Amino acid sequence: MAKRISLHEFQAGLARRLSEARDTRASALLGIQAGNRNWLLDLTETGEILAVPTLAPVPLTRSWFRGLASVRGNLFGVVDFAAFHGEPPISTSGHARLLLIGAKHGLNSALLVSRALGLRSAEDFEPVAQPTDPDMPWIGEQVQDPHGNRWTRLNVTSLLTHSRFLNAAQT
């Protein structure tokens, strides 16, 4: 029979492992999938990863703004990260997750992603030549893992400060 641990012990262990991961270069990136694209984020730019709670829709917003989520009494604006890039919307069931970002910048923002892919080592990736798009400065370096899968580095600060991301109002 599997050993049972309390929620408190689990959270303490997870916090310890994340803290250790932040202290080493070997696990400096978090991998996520949003739609058909794999993304890499610096751990220092991310917050919690949660199962998708019930979202409260907000009228007169763009289709990629999925609504508001209450996380321990705090409201977070939820952006469907695949739909934000013109892909089909992400289903909120199955492997979908909510990635809290922006707390470091004083913004309660969350990205709805298809799945969390876990911690990755920056050393496991090779740069791939790819032109940059000045209209989307949050799209960073394109890299490739040893299996040939392409990944995109996400510049969270550029995303959180970009007018397109901040203006969810329907026009």
C-alpha atoms as a PDB file:
ATOM      1  CA  MET A   1       0.000   0.000   0.000  1.00  0.00           C
ATOM      2  CA  ALA A   2       1.331   3.438  -0.892  1.00  0.00           C
ATOM      3  CA  LYS A   3       2.595   5.603   1.938  1.00  0.00           C
ATOM      4  CA  ARG A   4       0.180   8.416   2.731  1.00  0.00           C
ATOM      5  CA  ILE A   5       1.505  11.891   3.440  1.00  0.00           C
ATOM      6  CA  SER A   6      -0.341  14.968   4.534  1.00  0.00           C
ATOM      7  CA  LEU A   7      -0.975  17.849   2.201  1.00  0.00           C
ATOM      8  CA  HIS A   8       1.304  19.974   4.364  1.00  0.00           C
ATOM      9  CA  GLU A   9       4.193  17.476   4.007  1.00  0.00           C
ATOM     10  CA  PHE A  10       3.627  17.279   0.250  1.00  0.00           C
ATOM     11  CA  GLN A  11       3.633  21.062  -0.135  1.00  0.00           C
ATOM     12  CA  ALA A  12       6.734  21.416   2.045  1.00  0.00           C
ATOM     13  CA  GLY A  13       8.556  18.797  -0.035  1.00  0.00           C
ATOM     14  CA  LEU A  14       7.497  20.420  -3.282  1.00  0.00           C
ATOM     15  CA  ALA A  15       8.583  23.854  -2.066  1.00  0.00           C
ATOM     16  CA  ARG A  16      11.962  22.397  -1.031  1.00  0.00           C
ATOM     17  CA  ARG A  17      12.471  20.745  -4.441  1.00  0.00           C
ATOM     18  CA  LEU A  18      11.512  23.925  -6.307  1.00  0.00           C
ATOM     19  CA  SER A  19      13.868  25.931  -4.112  1.00  0.00           C
ATOM     20  CA  GLU A  20      16.682  23.480  -4.846  1.00  0.00           C
ATOM     21  CA  ALA A  21      15.852  23.638  -8.553  1.00  0.00           C
ATOM     22  CA  ARG A  22      16.102  27.422  -8.502  1.00  0.00           C
ATOM     23  CA  ASP A  23      19.543  27.127  -6.932  1.00  0.00           C
ATOM     24  CA  THR A  24      21.005  25.028  -9.749  1.00  0.00           C
ATOM     25  CA  ARG A  25      21.547  25.821 -13.412  1.00  0.00           C
ATOM     26  CA  ALA A  26      20.637  22.228 -14.345  1.00  0.00           C
ATOM     27  CA  SER A  27      16.907  22.779 -13.702  1.00  0.00           C
ATOM     28  CA  ALA A  28      16.528  26.456 -14.469  1.00  0.00           C
ATOM     29  CA  LEU A  29      13.615  26.162 -16.913  1.00  0.00           C
ATOM     30  CA  LEU A  30       9.978  25.122 -16.757  1.00  0.00           C
ATOM     31  CA  GLY A  31       8.559  23.466 -19.857  1.00  0.00           C
ATOM     32  CA  ILE A  32       4.909  23.959 -20.818  1.00  0.00           C
ATOM     33  CA  GLN A  33       2.820  23.211 -23.872  1.00  0.00           C
ATOM     34  CA  ALA A  34       0.220  25.656 -25.159  1.00  0.00           C
ATOM     35  CA  GLY A  35      -1.574  24.401 -28.223  1.00  0.00           C
ATOM     36  CA  ASN A  36       0.987  23.081 -30.687  1.00  0.00           C
ATOM     37  CA  ARG A  37       3.973  24.953 -29.249  1.00  0.00           C
ATOM     38  CA  ASN A  38       6.395  24.022 -26.470  1.00  0.00           C
ATOM     39  CA  TRP A  39       7.548  26.911 -24.303  1.00  0.00           C
ATOM     40  CA  LEU A  40      10.380  27.350 -21.816  1.00  0.00           C
ATOM     41  CA  LEU A  41      10.158  29.815 -18.927  1.00  0.00           C
ATOM     42  CA  ASP A  42      12.784  30.761 -16.379  1.00  0.00           C
ATOM     43  CA  LEU A  43      11.689  29.404 -13.011  1.00  0.00           C
ATOM     44  CA  THR A  44      12.292  32.798 -11.450  1.00  0.00           C
ATOM     45  CA  GLU A  45       9.541  34.203 -13.700  1.00  0.00           C
ATOM     46  CA  THR A  46       6.914  31.590 -12.838  1.00  0.00           C
ATOM     47  CA  GLY A  47       4.552  30.985  -9.988  1.00  0.00           C
ATOM     48  CA  GLU A  48       2.354  28.058  -9.136  1.00  0.00           C
ATOM     49  CA  ILE A  49       0.988  25.475 -11.529  1.00  0.00           C
ATOM     50  CA  LEU A  50      -2.588  24.513 -10.668  1.00  0.00           C
ATOM     51  CA  ALA A  51      -5.386  22.337 -11.921  1.00  0.00           C
ATOM     52  CA  VAL A  52      -7.797  24.634 -13.740  1.00  0.00           C
ATOM     53  CA  PRO A  53     -10.408  25.959 -11.312  1.00  0.00           C
ATOM     54  CA  THR A  54     -13.826  27.187 -12.344  1.00  0.00           C
ATOM     55  CA  LEU A  55     -13.402  30.301 -14.474  1.00  0.00           C
ATOM     56  CA  ALA A  56     -15.809  33.217 -14.247  1.00  0.00           C
ATOM     57  CA  PRO A  57     -16.341  34.603 -17.753  1.00  0.00           C
ATOM     58  CA  VAL A  58     -15.958  38.335 -18.309  1.00  0.00           C
ATOM     59  CA  PRO A  59     -18.254  39.839 -20.938  1.00  0.00           C
ATOM     60  CA  LEU A  60     -16.958  42.042 -23.742  1.00  0.00           C
ATOM     61  CA  THR A  61     -13.444  40.624 -23.701  1.00  0.00           C
ATOM     62  CA  ARG A  62     -11.392  39.021 -26.446  1.00  0.00           C
ATOM     63  CA  SER A  63     -11.880  35.310 -27.020  1.00  0.00           C
ATOM     64  CA  TRP A  64      -8.425  34.493 -25.614  1.00  0.00           C
ATOM     65  CA  PHE A  65      -9.290  36.082 -22.267  1.00  0.00           C
ATOM     66  CA  ARG A  66     -10.988  33.139 -20.581  1.00  0.00           C
ATOM     67  CA  GLY A  67     -12.109  34.951 -17.444  1.00  0.00           C
ATOM     68  CA  LEU A  68     -11.207  35.215 -13.804  1.00  0.00           C
ATOM     69  CA  ALA A  69     -10.010  32.485 -11.470  1.00  0.00           C
ATOM     70  CA  SER A  70     -10.090  32.689  -7.698  1.00  0.00           C
ATOM     71  CA  VAL A  71      -6.923  31.261  -6.161  1.00  0.00           C
ATOM     72  CA  ARG A  72      -7.021  31.309  -2.370  1.00  0.00           C
ATOM     73  CA  GLY A  73      -9.239  34.385  -2.463  1.00  0.00           C
ATOM     74  CA  ASN A  74      -7.177  36.319  -5.019  1.00  0.00           C
ATOM     75  CA  LEU A  75      -8.508  36.960  -8.510  1.00  0.00           C
ATOM     76  CA  PHE A  76      -6.312  36.170 -11.514  1.00  0.00           C
ATOM     77  CA  GLY A  77      -7.009  37.157 -15.102  1.00  0.00           C
ATOM     78  CA  VAL A  78      -6.720  34.006 -17.232  1.00  0.00           C
ATOM     79  CA  VAL A  79      -5.330  34.133 -20.767  1.00  0.00           C
ATOM     80  CA  ASP A  80      -5.644  31.091 -23.030  1.00  0.00           C
ATOM     81  CA  PHE A  81      -2.045  31.114 -24.237  1.00  0.00           C
ATOM     82  CA  ALA A  82      -2.734  29.047 -27.356  1.00  0.00           C
ATOM     83  CA  ALA A  83      -5.712  31.187 -28.422  1.00  0.00           C
ATOM     84  CA  PHE A  84      -3.630  34.308 -27.714  1.00  0.00           C
ATOM     85  CA  HIS A  85      -1.345  33.082 -30.527  1.00  0.00           C
ATOM     86  CA  GLY A  86      -4.210  32.335 -32.934  1.00  0.00           C
ATOM     87  CA  GLU A  87      -4.539  28.602 -32.217  1.00  0.00           C
ATOM     88  CA  PRO A  88      -7.748  26.821 -31.158  1.00  0.00           C
ATOM     89  CA  PRO A  89      -8.783  27.376 -27.526  1.00  0.00           C
ATOM     90  CA  ILE A  90      -7.491  25.008 -24.854  1.00  0.00           C
ATOM     91  CA  SER A  91     -10.007  22.750 -23.139  1.00  0.00           C
ATOM     92  CA  THR A  92      -9.992  23.337 -19.386  1.00  0.00           C
ATOM     93  CA  SER A  93     -10.200  19.597 -18.667  1.00  0.00           C
ATOM     94  CA  GLY A  94      -7.659  16.792 -18.912  1.00  0.00           C
ATOM     95  CA  HIS A  95      -4.009  17.832 -18.670  1.00  0.00           C
ATOM     96  CA  ALA A  96      -4.722  21.587 -18.889  1.00  0.00           C
ATOM     97  CA  ARG A  97      -3.129  23.684 -16.172  1.00  0.00           C
ATOM     98  CA  LEU A  98      -3.139  27.234 -14.922  1.00  0.00           C
ATOM     99  CA  LEU A  99       0.311  28.796 -14.647  1.00  0.00           C
ATOM    100  CA  LEU A 100       0.352  31.808 -12.363  1.00  0.00           C
ATOM    101  CA  ILE A 101       2.691  34.506 -13.621  1.00  0.00           C
ATOM    102  CA  GLY A 102       3.154  38.145 -12.874  1.00  0.00           C
ATOM    103  CA  ALA A 103       3.133  38.109  -9.055  1.00  0.00           C
ATOM    104  CA  LYS A 104       6.760  39.271  -9.145  1.00  0.00           C
ATOM    105  CA  HIS A 105       5.573  42.262 -11.210  1.00  0.00           C
ATOM    106  CA  GLY A 106       2.456  42.999  -9.147  1.00  0.00           C
ATOM    107  CA  LEU A 107       0.063  41.517 -11.717  1.00  0.00           C
ATOM    108  CA  ASN A 108      -2.373  38.712 -11.002  1.00  0.00           C
ATOM    109  CA  SER A 109      -2.141  36.994 -14.369  1.00  0.00           C
ATOM    110  CA  ALA A 110      -2.427  33.340 -15.266  1.00  0.00           C
ATOM    111  CA  LEU A 111      -1.804  31.430 -18.465  1.00  0.00           C
ATOM    112  CA  LEU A 112      -4.082  28.562 -19.419  1.00  0.00           C
ATOM    113  CA  VAL A 113      -1.749  25.964 -20.925  1.00  0.00           C
ATOM    114  CA  SER A 114      -2.357  22.538 -22.462  1.00  0.00           C
ATOM    115  CA  ARG A 115      -0.005  20.830 -20.020  1.00  0.00           C
ATOM    116  CA  ALA A 116       2.993  21.337 -17.787  1.00  0.00           C
ATOM    117  CA  LEU A 117       6.013  19.436 -19.108  1.00  0.00           C
ATOM    118  CA  GLY A 118       8.251  19.748 -16.059  1.00  0.00           C
ATOM    119  CA  LEU A 119      11.676  21.095 -15.268  1.00  0.00           C
ATOM    120  CA  ARG A 120      14.270  21.270 -18.018  1.00  0.00           C
ATOM    121  CA  SER A 121      17.979  21.971 -18.125  1.00  0.00           C
ATOM    122  CA  ALA A 122      19.165  24.901 -20.204  1.00  0.00           C
ATOM    123  CA  GLU A 123      22.184  22.827 -21.189  1.00  0.00           C
ATOM    124  CA  ASP A 124      19.914  20.303 -22.955  1.00  0.00           C
ATOM    125  CA  PHE A 125      18.994  22.736 -25.725  1.00  0.00           C
ATOM    126  CA  GLU A 126      20.717  24.011 -28.843  1.00  0.00           C
ATOM    127  CA  PRO A 127      19.810  27.361 -30.446  1.00  0.00           C
ATOM    128  CA  VAL A 128      17.940  27.248 -33.763  1.00  0.00           C
ATOM    129  CA  ALA A 129      18.182  30.125 -36.216  1.00  0.00           C
ATOM    130  CA  GLN A 130      14.768  31.770 -36.317  1.00  0.00           C
ATOM    131  CA  PRO A 131      13.827  35.332 -37.249  1.00  0.00           C
ATOM    132  CA  THR A 132      12.290  37.397 -34.453  1.00  0.00           C
ATOM    133  CA  ASP A 133       8.950  39.158 -34.719  1.00  0.00           C
ATOM    134  CA  PRO A 134       9.098  42.752 -33.434  1.00  0.00           C
ATOM    135  CA  ASP A 135       5.311  42.681 -32.891  1.00  0.00           C
ATOM    136  CA  MET A 136       5.697  39.822 -30.390  1.00  0.00           C
ATOM    137  CA  PRO A 137       8.738  40.644 -28.229  1.00  0.00           C
ATOM    138  CA  TRP A 138       7.772  37.994 -25.650  1.00  0.00           C
ATOM    139  CA  ILE A 139       8.771  35.291 -28.147  1.00  0.00           C
ATOM    140  CA  GLY A 140      12.390  34.656 -27.323  1.00  0.00           C
ATOM    141  CA  GLU A 141      15.088  32.350 -28.533  1.00  0.00           C
ATOM    142  CA  GLN A 142      14.096  29.246 -30.500  1.00  0.00           C
ATOM    143  CA  VAL A 143      15.853  26.104 -29.292  1.00  0.00           C
ATOM    144  CA  GLN A 144      15.825  22.394 -30.002  1.00  0.00           C
ATOM    145  CA  ASP A 145      16.128  19.477 -27.574  1.00  0.00           C
ATOM    146  CA  PRO A 146      18.162  16.296 -28.238  1.00  0.00           C
ATOM    147  CA  HIS A 147      15.037  14.604 -29.674  1.00  0.00           C
ATOM    148  CA  GLY A 148      14.581  17.302 -32.327  1.00  0.00           C
ATOM    149  CA  ASN A 149      11.594  18.985 -30.622  1.00  0.00           C
ATOM    150  CA  ARG A 150      11.446  22.754 -30.984  1.00  0.00           C
ATOM    151  CA  TRP A 151      10.920  24.999 -27.986  1.00  0.00           C
ATOM    152  CA  THR A 152      10.410  28.741 -27.625  1.00  0.00           C
ATOM    153  CA  ARG A 153      11.780  30.776 -24.740  1.00  0.00           C
ATOM    154  CA  LEU A 154       9.081  32.992 -23.242  1.00  0.00           C
ATOM    155  CA  ASN A 155      10.081  36.448 -22.065  1.00  0.00           C
ATOM    156  CA  VAL A 156       7.497  36.863 -19.302  1.00  0.00           C
ATOM    157  CA  THR A 157       8.320  40.501 -18.596  1.00  0.00           C
ATOM    158  CA  SER A 158       7.817  41.465 -22.247  1.00  0.00           C
ATOM    159  CA  LEU A 159       4.526  39.553 -22.336  1.00  0.00           C
ATOM    160  CA  LEU A 160       3.179  41.132 -19.152  1.00  0.00           C
ATOM    161  CA  THR A 161       4.016  44.654 -20.294  1.00  0.00           C
ATOM    162  CA  HIS A 162       2.867  44.359 -23.902  1.00  0.00           C
ATOM    163  CA  SER A 163      -0.249  46.366 -24.806  1.00  0.00           C
ATOM    164  CA  ARG A 164      -1.819  43.424 -26.678  1.00  0.00           C
ATOM    165  CA  PHE A 165      -1.647  41.247 -23.548  1.00  0.00           C
ATOM    166  CA  LEU A 166      -2.853  44.020 -21.257  1.00  0.00           C
ATOM    167  CA  ASN A 167      -5.810  45.014 -23.457  1.00  0.00           C
ATOM    168  CA  ALA A 168      -8.296  42.156 -23.225  1.00  0.00           C
ATOM    169  CA  ALA A 169     -11.262  44.400 -24.020  1.00  0.00           C
ATOM    170  CA  GLN A 170     -13.207  43.431 -27.111  1.00  0.00           C
ATOM    171  CA  THR A 171     -12.868  46.057 -29.832  1.00  0.00           C
END
